[in-house]
N, C-alpha and C. Protein backbone atom coordinates (compact mmCIF):
# COMPACT_ATOMS: atom_id res chain seq x y z
N ASP A 1 0.85 -1.18 0.00
CA ASP A 1 0.00 0.00 0.00
C ASP A 1 0.89 1.24 0.00
N ILE A 2 0.54 2.22 -0.81
CA ILE A 2 1.37 3.42 -0.90
C ILE A 2 1.02 4.47 0.17
N VAL A 3 -0.10 4.32 0.83
CA VAL A 3 -0.52 5.29 1.84
C VAL A 3 0.10 4.93 3.19
N ASP A 4 0.93 5.83 3.72
CA ASP A 4 1.57 5.62 5.02
C ASP A 4 0.60 5.84 6.17
N ARG A 5 -0.13 6.93 6.10
CA ARG A 5 -1.05 7.32 7.17
C ARG A 5 -2.33 7.84 6.56
N LYS A 6 -3.42 7.61 7.25
CA LYS A 6 -4.73 8.12 6.84
C LYS A 6 -5.12 9.23 7.80
N VAL A 7 -4.99 10.46 7.34
CA VAL A 7 -5.29 11.62 8.18
C VAL A 7 -6.79 11.86 8.17
N ARG A 8 -7.35 11.89 9.36
CA ARG A 8 -8.78 12.17 9.52
C ARG A 8 -9.03 13.40 10.39
N LYS A 9 -7.94 13.97 10.92
CA LYS A 9 -8.02 15.17 11.76
C LYS A 9 -6.99 16.17 11.25
N MET A 10 -7.41 17.42 11.20
CA MET A 10 -6.50 18.47 10.76
C MET A 10 -6.60 19.61 11.76
N THR A 11 -5.45 20.05 12.22
CA THR A 11 -5.40 21.20 13.13
C THR A 11 -4.77 22.37 12.40
N MET A 12 -5.51 23.47 12.30
CA MET A 12 -4.99 24.72 11.75
C MET A 12 -4.53 25.55 12.93
N ILE A 13 -3.32 26.10 12.85
CA ILE A 13 -2.74 26.83 13.96
C ILE A 13 -2.40 28.24 13.49
N SER A 14 -2.98 29.22 14.18
CA SER A 14 -2.85 30.63 13.79
C SER A 14 -1.50 31.19 14.21
N PRO A 15 -1.20 32.42 13.77
CA PRO A 15 0.06 33.06 14.19
C PRO A 15 0.17 33.22 15.71
N THR A 16 -0.95 33.30 16.40
CA THR A 16 -0.93 33.41 17.87
C THR A 16 -1.10 32.06 18.54
N ASN A 17 -0.97 31.00 17.75
CA ASN A 17 -1.08 29.61 18.23
C ASN A 17 -2.47 29.21 18.70
N LYS A 18 -3.48 29.92 18.22
CA LYS A 18 -4.86 29.46 18.44
C LYS A 18 -5.09 28.29 17.48
N GLU A 19 -5.73 27.25 17.97
CA GLU A 19 -5.94 26.04 17.17
C GLU A 19 -7.40 25.89 16.79
N VAL A 20 -7.62 25.53 15.54
CA VAL A 20 -8.95 25.23 15.04
C VAL A 20 -8.91 23.82 14.48
N GLN A 21 -9.83 22.99 14.95
CA GLN A 21 -9.91 21.61 14.45
C GLN A 21 -10.83 21.59 13.24
N ILE A 22 -10.32 21.04 12.15
CA ILE A 22 -11.15 20.90 10.95
C ILE A 22 -11.17 19.43 10.56
N GLY A 23 -12.12 19.06 9.77
CA GLY A 23 -12.20 17.67 9.34
C GLY A 23 -13.31 16.89 10.01
N GLN A 24 -14.09 17.55 10.88
CA GLN A 24 -15.17 16.82 11.55
C GLN A 24 -16.26 16.37 10.59
N THR A 25 -16.27 16.93 9.39
CA THR A 25 -17.29 16.56 8.42
C THR A 25 -16.91 15.33 7.59
N LEU A 26 -15.71 14.80 7.80
CA LEU A 26 -15.30 13.60 7.07
C LEU A 26 -16.17 12.42 7.47
N LYS A 27 -16.52 11.64 6.49
CA LYS A 27 -17.25 10.39 6.76
C LYS A 27 -16.24 9.35 7.25
N ASP A 28 -16.72 8.26 7.82
CA ASP A 28 -15.85 7.24 8.40
C ASP A 28 -14.85 6.67 7.40
N ASP A 29 -15.23 6.61 6.12
CA ASP A 29 -14.35 6.01 5.12
C ASP A 29 -13.53 7.06 4.35
N GLU A 30 -13.59 8.33 4.77
CA GLU A 30 -12.85 9.39 4.09
C GLU A 30 -11.59 9.74 4.87
N PHE A 31 -10.54 10.09 4.14
CA PHE A 31 -9.27 10.46 4.76
C PHE A 31 -8.41 11.18 3.73
N ILE A 32 -7.36 11.82 4.22
CA ILE A 32 -6.32 12.40 3.36
C ILE A 32 -5.15 11.44 3.43
N GLY A 33 -4.77 10.88 2.31
CA GLY A 33 -3.68 9.91 2.28
C GLY A 33 -2.32 10.58 2.33
N MET A 34 -1.50 10.18 3.28
CA MET A 34 -0.13 10.67 3.40
C MET A 34 0.81 9.65 2.75
N VAL A 35 1.57 10.12 1.78
CA VAL A 35 2.51 9.24 1.08
C VAL A 35 3.90 9.86 1.09
N ARG A 36 4.91 9.02 0.96
CA ARG A 36 6.27 9.50 0.77
C ARG A 36 6.52 9.61 -0.73
N ARG A 37 7.22 10.64 -1.13
CA ARG A 37 7.45 10.91 -2.54
C ARG A 37 8.10 9.73 -3.26
N GLU A 38 9.12 9.13 -2.65
CA GLU A 38 9.83 8.04 -3.32
C GLU A 38 8.93 6.82 -3.50
N VAL A 39 8.01 6.60 -2.56
CA VAL A 39 7.08 5.47 -2.67
C VAL A 39 6.07 5.74 -3.78
N MET A 40 5.54 6.97 -3.80
CA MET A 40 4.56 7.34 -4.83
C MET A 40 5.20 7.30 -6.22
N ASP A 41 6.39 7.87 -6.36
CA ASP A 41 7.07 7.87 -7.66
C ASP A 41 7.32 6.45 -8.15
N SER A 42 7.78 5.58 -7.24
CA SER A 42 8.04 4.19 -7.61
C SER A 42 6.76 3.50 -8.06
N TYR A 43 5.69 3.75 -7.34
CA TYR A 43 4.39 3.17 -7.69
C TYR A 43 3.96 3.62 -9.10
N LEU A 44 4.11 4.90 -9.39
CA LEU A 44 3.72 5.41 -10.71
C LEU A 44 4.60 4.82 -11.81
N ARG A 45 5.90 4.70 -11.54
CA ARG A 45 6.80 4.08 -12.53
C ARG A 45 6.40 2.63 -12.80
N GLU A 46 6.13 1.89 -11.73
CA GLU A 46 5.74 0.48 -11.89
C GLU A 46 4.44 0.36 -12.68
N ARG A 47 3.47 1.23 -12.40
CA ARG A 47 2.21 1.19 -13.16
C ARG A 47 2.45 1.50 -14.63
N ALA A 48 3.30 2.47 -14.89
CA ALA A 48 3.60 2.82 -16.28
C ALA A 48 4.25 1.64 -16.99
N ALA A 49 5.21 0.99 -16.33
CA ALA A 49 5.89 -0.17 -16.92
C ALA A 49 4.90 -1.30 -17.17
N GLU A 50 4.02 -1.55 -16.22
CA GLU A 50 3.02 -2.61 -16.39
C GLU A 50 2.06 -2.32 -17.54
N SER A 51 1.91 -1.02 -17.86
CA SER A 51 1.03 -0.62 -18.96
C SER A 51 1.76 -0.54 -20.29
N GLY A 52 3.04 -0.94 -20.31
CA GLY A 52 3.77 -1.01 -21.56
C GLY A 52 4.81 0.07 -21.79
N CYS A 53 4.99 0.97 -20.84
CA CYS A 53 6.00 2.02 -21.01
C CYS A 53 7.40 1.45 -20.83
N HIS A 54 8.32 1.98 -21.60
CA HIS A 54 9.74 1.64 -21.46
C HIS A 54 10.35 2.72 -20.56
N LEU A 55 10.82 2.33 -19.39
CA LEU A 55 11.38 3.29 -18.45
C LEU A 55 12.85 3.54 -18.74
N ILE A 56 13.24 4.82 -18.65
CA ILE A 56 14.62 5.20 -18.89
C ILE A 56 15.09 6.00 -17.68
N ASN A 57 16.20 5.59 -17.10
CA ASN A 57 16.83 6.37 -16.03
C ASN A 57 17.75 7.35 -16.71
N GLY A 58 17.25 8.55 -16.97
CA GLY A 58 18.02 9.50 -17.75
C GLY A 58 17.79 10.93 -17.35
N LEU A 59 18.56 11.82 -17.96
CA LEU A 59 18.45 13.25 -17.73
C LEU A 59 18.23 13.93 -19.07
N PHE A 60 17.10 14.63 -19.21
CA PHE A 60 16.77 15.37 -20.41
C PHE A 60 17.78 16.49 -20.61
N MET A 61 18.32 16.58 -21.84
CA MET A 61 19.31 17.61 -22.13
C MET A 61 18.80 18.64 -23.13
N SER A 62 18.12 18.18 -24.19
CA SER A 62 17.62 19.12 -25.20
C SER A 62 16.56 18.44 -26.06
N MET A 63 15.92 19.26 -26.90
CA MET A 63 14.85 18.73 -27.75
C MET A 63 14.86 19.48 -29.08
N THR A 64 14.67 18.73 -30.15
CA THR A 64 14.46 19.31 -31.47
C THR A 64 12.98 19.14 -31.80
N SER A 65 12.32 20.26 -32.07
CA SER A 65 10.89 20.21 -32.38
C SER A 65 10.68 19.85 -33.83
N PRO A 66 9.53 19.24 -34.13
CA PRO A 66 9.24 18.89 -35.52
C PRO A 66 9.11 20.14 -36.39
N GLU A 67 9.57 20.02 -37.62
CA GLU A 67 9.41 21.12 -38.57
C GLU A 67 8.16 20.94 -39.41
N GLN A 68 7.71 19.68 -39.51
CA GLN A 68 6.49 19.39 -40.25
C GLN A 68 5.58 18.54 -39.36
N LYS A 69 4.30 18.50 -39.70
CA LYS A 69 3.29 17.84 -38.87
C LYS A 69 3.59 16.37 -38.61
N ASP A 70 4.12 15.65 -39.53
CA ASP A 70 4.34 14.21 -39.39
C ASP A 70 5.67 13.84 -38.73
N GLU A 71 6.50 14.82 -38.43
CA GLU A 71 7.82 14.53 -37.85
C GLU A 71 7.73 14.40 -36.33
N PRO A 72 8.65 13.63 -35.75
CA PRO A 72 8.65 13.47 -34.29
C PRO A 72 9.47 14.57 -33.61
N TYR A 73 9.30 14.68 -32.32
CA TYR A 73 10.22 15.43 -31.48
C TYR A 73 11.43 14.53 -31.28
N VAL A 74 12.61 15.11 -31.23
CA VAL A 74 13.81 14.33 -30.97
C VAL A 74 14.41 14.83 -29.65
N LEU A 75 14.40 13.95 -28.67
CA LEU A 75 14.93 14.28 -27.35
C LEU A 75 16.37 13.79 -27.25
N THR A 76 17.22 14.61 -26.69
CA THR A 76 18.58 14.21 -26.36
C THR A 76 18.64 14.09 -24.85
N TYR A 77 19.19 12.97 -24.38
CA TYR A 77 19.24 12.74 -22.94
C TYR A 77 20.48 11.94 -22.60
N ASN A 78 20.85 11.98 -21.34
CA ASN A 78 21.94 11.15 -20.83
C ASN A 78 21.30 9.94 -20.16
N ASP A 79 21.63 8.77 -20.66
CA ASP A 79 21.07 7.52 -20.15
C ASP A 79 21.97 6.97 -19.04
N PHE A 80 21.47 6.98 -17.81
CA PHE A 80 22.24 6.50 -16.67
C PHE A 80 22.10 5.00 -16.46
N GLY A 81 21.22 4.38 -17.20
CA GLY A 81 21.03 2.95 -17.08
C GLY A 81 21.85 2.14 -18.05
N ASP A 82 22.58 2.80 -18.91
CA ASP A 82 23.40 2.13 -19.92
C ASP A 82 24.73 1.71 -19.29
N ASP A 83 25.04 0.44 -19.35
CA ASP A 83 26.26 -0.09 -18.73
C ASP A 83 27.54 0.44 -19.37
N GLU A 84 27.44 0.99 -20.58
CA GLU A 84 28.61 1.49 -21.29
C GLU A 84 29.11 2.82 -20.75
N GLY A 85 28.24 3.56 -20.07
CA GLY A 85 28.60 4.91 -19.67
C GLY A 85 29.12 5.05 -18.26
N ASN A 86 29.62 6.23 -17.99
CA ASN A 86 30.05 6.62 -16.66
C ASN A 86 28.78 6.83 -15.83
N ALA A 87 28.73 6.28 -14.64
CA ALA A 87 27.54 6.34 -13.80
C ALA A 87 27.12 7.78 -13.49
N ARG A 88 28.07 8.69 -13.47
CA ARG A 88 27.76 10.09 -13.14
C ARG A 88 27.32 10.88 -14.36
N LYS A 89 27.81 10.51 -15.55
CA LYS A 89 27.49 11.27 -16.75
C LYS A 89 26.47 10.58 -17.64
N GLY A 90 26.43 9.27 -17.59
CA GLY A 90 25.54 8.53 -18.47
C GLY A 90 26.06 8.49 -19.89
N VAL A 91 25.23 7.96 -20.77
CA VAL A 91 25.56 7.86 -22.19
C VAL A 91 24.58 8.76 -22.96
N LYS A 92 25.14 9.64 -23.79
CA LYS A 92 24.30 10.55 -24.57
C LYS A 92 23.54 9.74 -25.62
N LYS A 93 22.21 9.93 -25.63
CA LYS A 93 21.35 9.21 -26.58
C LYS A 93 20.26 10.15 -27.08
N THR A 94 19.58 9.71 -28.13
CA THR A 94 18.42 10.44 -28.63
C THR A 94 17.23 9.49 -28.68
N LEU A 95 16.06 10.09 -28.66
CA LEU A 95 14.81 9.33 -28.69
C LEU A 95 13.78 10.13 -29.47
N GLU A 96 13.12 9.48 -30.43
CA GLU A 96 12.07 10.14 -31.20
C GLU A 96 10.72 9.82 -30.55
N VAL A 97 9.92 10.89 -30.33
CA VAL A 97 8.61 10.73 -29.67
C VAL A 97 7.58 11.60 -30.36
N ASP A 98 6.32 11.23 -30.18
CA ASP A 98 5.21 12.00 -30.75
C ASP A 98 4.75 13.12 -29.83
N VAL A 99 4.90 12.92 -28.52
CA VAL A 99 4.40 13.87 -27.53
C VAL A 99 5.46 14.04 -26.44
N VAL A 100 5.59 15.26 -25.92
CA VAL A 100 6.49 15.52 -24.80
C VAL A 100 5.66 16.13 -23.68
N ILE A 101 5.78 15.55 -22.50
CA ILE A 101 5.12 16.08 -21.32
C ILE A 101 6.21 16.50 -20.35
N GLY A 102 6.25 17.77 -20.03
CA GLY A 102 7.31 18.29 -19.15
C GLY A 102 6.90 18.20 -17.70
N GLY A 103 6.96 17.03 -17.14
CA GLY A 103 6.63 16.83 -15.73
C GLY A 103 7.88 16.78 -14.89
N ASP A 104 8.80 17.69 -15.13
CA ASP A 104 10.11 17.61 -14.46
C ASP A 104 10.33 18.74 -13.46
N GLY A 105 9.28 19.24 -12.87
CA GLY A 105 9.41 20.13 -11.73
C GLY A 105 9.51 21.60 -12.04
N ALA A 106 9.67 22.37 -10.95
CA ALA A 106 9.67 23.84 -11.04
C ALA A 106 10.83 24.37 -11.87
N ASN A 107 11.96 23.71 -11.83
CA ASN A 107 13.11 24.14 -12.63
C ASN A 107 13.20 23.30 -13.91
N SER A 108 12.07 23.14 -14.55
CA SER A 108 11.91 22.25 -15.69
C SER A 108 12.87 22.56 -16.84
N ARG A 109 13.64 21.55 -17.22
CA ARG A 109 14.50 21.68 -18.39
C ARG A 109 13.64 21.72 -19.65
N VAL A 110 12.52 21.00 -19.63
CA VAL A 110 11.62 21.00 -20.79
C VAL A 110 11.03 22.40 -20.98
N ALA A 111 10.57 23.03 -19.90
CA ALA A 111 10.01 24.38 -20.00
C ALA A 111 11.04 25.37 -20.54
N LYS A 112 12.28 25.24 -20.09
CA LYS A 112 13.33 26.14 -20.59
C LYS A 112 13.58 25.88 -22.07
N GLU A 113 13.58 24.62 -22.45
CA GLU A 113 13.85 24.25 -23.85
C GLU A 113 12.80 24.83 -24.79
N ILE A 114 11.55 24.84 -24.39
CA ILE A 114 10.48 25.36 -25.26
C ILE A 114 10.23 26.84 -25.02
N GLU A 115 11.07 27.45 -24.16
CA GLU A 115 10.96 28.87 -23.83
C GLU A 115 9.56 29.20 -23.34
N ALA A 116 9.15 28.48 -22.31
CA ALA A 116 7.80 28.65 -21.75
C ALA A 116 7.62 30.00 -21.09
N GLY A 117 8.70 30.72 -20.85
CA GLY A 117 8.59 32.05 -20.27
C GLY A 117 8.70 32.02 -18.76
N ASP A 118 8.53 33.18 -18.16
CA ASP A 118 8.59 33.29 -16.72
C ASP A 118 7.29 32.79 -16.11
N TYR A 119 7.41 32.14 -15.00
CA TYR A 119 6.24 31.67 -14.29
C TYR A 119 6.56 31.64 -12.80
N GLU A 120 5.54 31.85 -12.02
CA GLU A 120 5.69 31.83 -10.57
C GLU A 120 5.70 30.38 -10.09
N TYR A 121 6.51 30.11 -9.11
CA TYR A 121 6.53 28.79 -8.51
C TYR A 121 6.88 28.93 -7.04
N ALA A 122 6.43 27.99 -6.29
CA ALA A 122 6.74 27.97 -4.86
C ALA A 122 7.99 27.12 -4.64
N ILE A 123 8.69 27.45 -3.59
CA ILE A 123 9.79 26.61 -3.15
C ILE A 123 9.36 26.04 -1.80
N ALA A 124 9.70 24.80 -1.58
CA ALA A 124 9.35 24.16 -0.31
C ALA A 124 10.59 23.54 0.30
N PHE A 125 10.57 23.44 1.60
CA PHE A 125 11.65 22.80 2.36
C PHE A 125 10.97 21.88 3.35
N GLN A 126 11.42 20.66 3.41
CA GLN A 126 10.79 19.70 4.32
C GLN A 126 11.86 18.80 4.92
N GLU A 127 11.70 18.52 6.20
CA GLU A 127 12.59 17.60 6.90
C GLU A 127 11.79 16.42 7.39
N ARG A 128 12.42 15.27 7.39
CA ARG A 128 11.83 14.09 8.01
C ARG A 128 12.41 13.99 9.41
N MET A 129 11.53 13.91 10.38
CA MET A 129 11.99 13.90 11.76
C MET A 129 11.37 12.72 12.50
N ARG A 130 12.23 11.91 13.08
CA ARG A 130 11.75 10.85 13.96
C ARG A 130 11.51 11.48 15.32
N ILE A 131 10.35 11.18 15.87
CA ILE A 131 9.98 11.73 17.16
C ILE A 131 9.63 10.57 18.09
N PRO A 132 9.63 10.83 19.41
CA PRO A 132 9.29 9.75 20.34
C PRO A 132 7.93 9.13 20.03
N GLU A 133 7.80 7.85 20.30
CA GLU A 133 6.57 7.11 19.98
C GLU A 133 5.33 7.74 20.59
N ASN A 134 5.44 8.21 21.85
CA ASN A 134 4.27 8.83 22.48
C ASN A 134 3.85 10.09 21.75
N LYS A 135 4.80 10.84 21.18
CA LYS A 135 4.45 12.02 20.40
C LYS A 135 3.94 11.63 19.01
N MET A 136 4.50 10.55 18.47
CA MET A 136 4.03 10.06 17.17
C MET A 136 2.57 9.62 17.26
N GLU A 137 2.17 9.13 18.41
CA GLU A 137 0.77 8.70 18.61
C GLU A 137 -0.19 9.86 18.38
N TYR A 138 0.21 11.07 18.79
CA TYR A 138 -0.63 12.26 18.59
C TYR A 138 -0.91 12.47 17.10
N TYR A 139 0.07 12.14 16.26
CA TYR A 139 -0.06 12.35 14.82
C TYR A 139 -0.59 11.12 14.09
N LYS A 140 -1.06 10.13 14.81
CA LYS A 140 -1.53 8.89 14.19
C LYS A 140 -2.50 9.15 13.04
N GLU A 141 -3.47 10.02 13.27
CA GLU A 141 -4.44 10.36 12.21
C GLU A 141 -4.55 11.88 12.04
N ARG A 142 -3.55 12.62 12.48
CA ARG A 142 -3.63 14.08 12.49
C ARG A 142 -2.50 14.71 11.69
N ALA A 143 -2.84 15.78 11.00
CA ALA A 143 -1.86 16.65 10.36
C ALA A 143 -2.07 18.06 10.91
N GLU A 144 -1.02 18.86 10.86
CA GLU A 144 -1.12 20.24 11.31
C GLU A 144 -0.68 21.18 10.22
N MET A 145 -1.38 22.31 10.13
CA MET A 145 -1.00 23.38 9.22
C MET A 145 -0.87 24.66 10.04
N TYR A 146 0.28 25.31 9.89
CA TYR A 146 0.58 26.53 10.63
C TYR A 146 0.59 27.71 9.66
N VAL A 147 0.07 28.85 10.10
CA VAL A 147 0.16 30.08 9.32
C VAL A 147 0.79 31.16 10.18
N GLY A 148 1.41 32.12 9.52
CA GLY A 148 2.03 33.24 10.21
C GLY A 148 3.32 33.64 9.52
N GLU A 149 3.70 34.89 9.68
CA GLU A 149 4.91 35.42 9.05
C GLU A 149 6.18 34.68 9.47
N ASP A 150 6.16 34.06 10.63
CA ASP A 150 7.35 33.36 11.10
C ASP A 150 7.58 32.04 10.38
N VAL A 151 6.52 31.46 9.77
CA VAL A 151 6.65 30.17 9.08
C VAL A 151 6.52 30.30 7.57
N SER A 152 5.92 31.39 7.09
CA SER A 152 5.84 31.66 5.65
C SER A 152 5.12 32.99 5.43
N PRO A 153 5.62 33.83 4.56
CA PRO A 153 4.96 35.11 4.32
C PRO A 153 3.71 34.98 3.44
N ASP A 154 3.55 33.86 2.75
CA ASP A 154 2.46 33.76 1.78
C ASP A 154 1.91 32.34 1.63
N PHE A 155 2.34 31.44 2.43
CA PHE A 155 1.96 30.05 2.27
C PHE A 155 1.63 29.52 3.66
N TYR A 156 1.93 28.28 3.91
CA TYR A 156 1.72 27.69 5.23
C TYR A 156 2.86 26.73 5.52
N ALA A 157 2.94 26.33 6.75
CA ALA A 157 3.92 25.31 7.15
C ALA A 157 3.12 24.11 7.65
N TRP A 158 3.80 22.96 7.78
CA TRP A 158 3.07 21.75 8.10
C TRP A 158 3.86 20.79 8.95
N VAL A 159 3.11 19.95 9.63
CA VAL A 159 3.63 18.73 10.24
C VAL A 159 2.69 17.63 9.76
N PHE A 160 3.19 16.76 8.91
CA PHE A 160 2.40 15.68 8.34
C PHE A 160 2.96 14.34 8.82
N PRO A 161 2.09 13.44 9.25
CA PRO A 161 2.56 12.12 9.68
C PRO A 161 2.90 11.24 8.49
N LYS A 162 3.98 10.51 8.60
CA LYS A 162 4.37 9.54 7.58
C LYS A 162 4.52 8.18 8.26
N CYS A 163 5.13 7.23 7.61
CA CYS A 163 5.16 5.86 8.13
C CYS A 163 5.71 5.79 9.55
N ASP A 164 6.92 6.24 9.78
CA ASP A 164 7.54 6.13 11.10
C ASP A 164 8.18 7.46 11.54
N HIS A 165 7.71 8.55 10.97
CA HIS A 165 8.26 9.87 11.25
C HIS A 165 7.22 10.93 10.89
N VAL A 166 7.56 12.18 11.16
CA VAL A 166 6.73 13.28 10.67
C VAL A 166 7.54 14.07 9.65
N ALA A 167 6.84 14.65 8.71
CA ALA A 167 7.44 15.56 7.74
C ALA A 167 7.12 16.97 8.21
N VAL A 168 8.15 17.77 8.43
CA VAL A 168 8.00 19.13 8.94
C VAL A 168 8.52 20.06 7.86
N GLY A 169 7.66 20.95 7.37
CA GLY A 169 8.11 21.78 6.26
C GLY A 169 7.35 23.06 6.10
N THR A 170 7.76 23.82 5.08
CA THR A 170 7.14 25.09 4.76
C THR A 170 7.37 25.40 3.29
N GLY A 171 6.71 26.44 2.81
CA GLY A 171 6.89 26.84 1.43
C GLY A 171 6.64 28.33 1.26
N THR A 172 7.09 28.87 0.14
CA THR A 172 6.86 30.28 -0.17
C THR A 172 7.03 30.51 -1.66
N VAL A 173 6.32 31.51 -2.16
CA VAL A 173 6.51 31.98 -3.52
C VAL A 173 7.31 33.28 -3.50
N VAL A 174 7.06 34.13 -2.51
CA VAL A 174 7.58 35.50 -2.54
C VAL A 174 8.94 35.69 -1.88
N ASP A 175 9.39 34.75 -1.05
CA ASP A 175 10.68 34.93 -0.37
C ASP A 175 11.47 33.63 -0.36
N LYS A 176 11.87 33.19 -1.54
CA LYS A 176 12.57 31.92 -1.67
C LYS A 176 13.89 31.90 -0.90
N LYS A 177 14.58 33.05 -0.84
CA LYS A 177 15.86 33.10 -0.13
C LYS A 177 15.69 32.95 1.37
N GLY A 178 14.48 33.18 1.87
CA GLY A 178 14.23 33.08 3.31
C GLY A 178 13.74 31.72 3.77
N ILE A 179 13.77 30.73 2.90
CA ILE A 179 13.16 29.43 3.22
C ILE A 179 13.75 28.79 4.47
N GLN A 180 15.04 28.92 4.71
CA GLN A 180 15.63 28.32 5.90
C GLN A 180 15.15 29.00 7.17
N LYS A 181 14.94 30.31 7.11
CA LYS A 181 14.40 31.05 8.25
C LYS A 181 12.98 30.56 8.56
N TYR A 182 12.18 30.34 7.53
CA TYR A 182 10.81 29.86 7.75
C TYR A 182 10.80 28.42 8.24
N GLN A 183 11.76 27.61 7.78
CA GLN A 183 11.85 26.24 8.28
C GLN A 183 12.19 26.25 9.76
N GLN A 184 13.08 27.12 10.15
CA GLN A 184 13.38 27.24 11.58
C GLN A 184 12.14 27.71 12.34
N GLY A 185 11.35 28.57 11.70
CA GLY A 185 10.11 29.05 12.31
C GLY A 185 9.14 27.93 12.61
N ILE A 186 8.96 26.99 11.67
CA ILE A 186 8.03 25.88 11.93
C ILE A 186 8.61 24.94 12.96
N ARG A 187 9.90 24.74 12.93
CA ARG A 187 10.52 23.89 13.97
C ARG A 187 10.30 24.49 15.35
N ASP A 188 10.45 25.82 15.44
CA ASP A 188 10.24 26.49 16.73
C ASP A 188 8.77 26.43 17.16
N ARG A 189 7.86 26.69 16.23
CA ARG A 189 6.43 26.69 16.58
C ARG A 189 5.94 25.30 16.98
N ALA A 190 6.45 24.26 16.34
CA ALA A 190 5.97 22.90 16.60
C ALA A 190 6.83 22.18 17.65
N ARG A 191 7.82 22.86 18.19
CA ARG A 191 8.81 22.23 19.07
C ARG A 191 8.20 21.35 20.16
N ASN A 192 7.18 21.81 20.86
CA ASN A 192 6.60 21.04 21.97
C ASN A 192 6.04 19.70 21.51
N ARG A 193 5.67 19.62 20.26
CA ARG A 193 5.07 18.37 19.76
C ARG A 193 6.05 17.47 19.02
N ILE A 194 7.17 18.04 18.56
CA ILE A 194 8.08 17.21 17.75
C ILE A 194 9.43 16.95 18.40
N ASP A 195 9.75 17.62 19.51
CA ASP A 195 11.03 17.37 20.19
C ASP A 195 10.86 16.27 21.24
């Protein structure tokens, strides 16, 4: 199962640490599934492979767009799964495809290649923290969301339960350089529950 924890309780915590419980309207069979990124990504890769996709452990480098309607896109990438190459550099290869989906994150090489232009994106910072079992029990079915200038100027911070730890993090769009300060802010605000 890819779901580590089933969150059925959510605590919103204000800048003055007033708490509001939300989620009382959830039905018995409803929950917010907490997953770890590496588990979810692996699951999606396995499903794609089972559906006939050929998986490549590679790094996208560039793309040549079709000049005519019937021509393919030609992707250039470094193949890290090729035994002939250096494990750090991979082997330079090309691949012809009909469609390109740039699902490669906020700093997308695909977006840069097609000159997608400027776009706003959030930056997030998250730590995995093992906490004492008695404190982990509090987070068994609970997640917390914190708001306030100390944890993010425009977003929120969180403590989310995972398999055997909590994920403590924050995000921002407007002050990316301050992300470490906001991460310290959530650690300080949640200290009584996570230390």
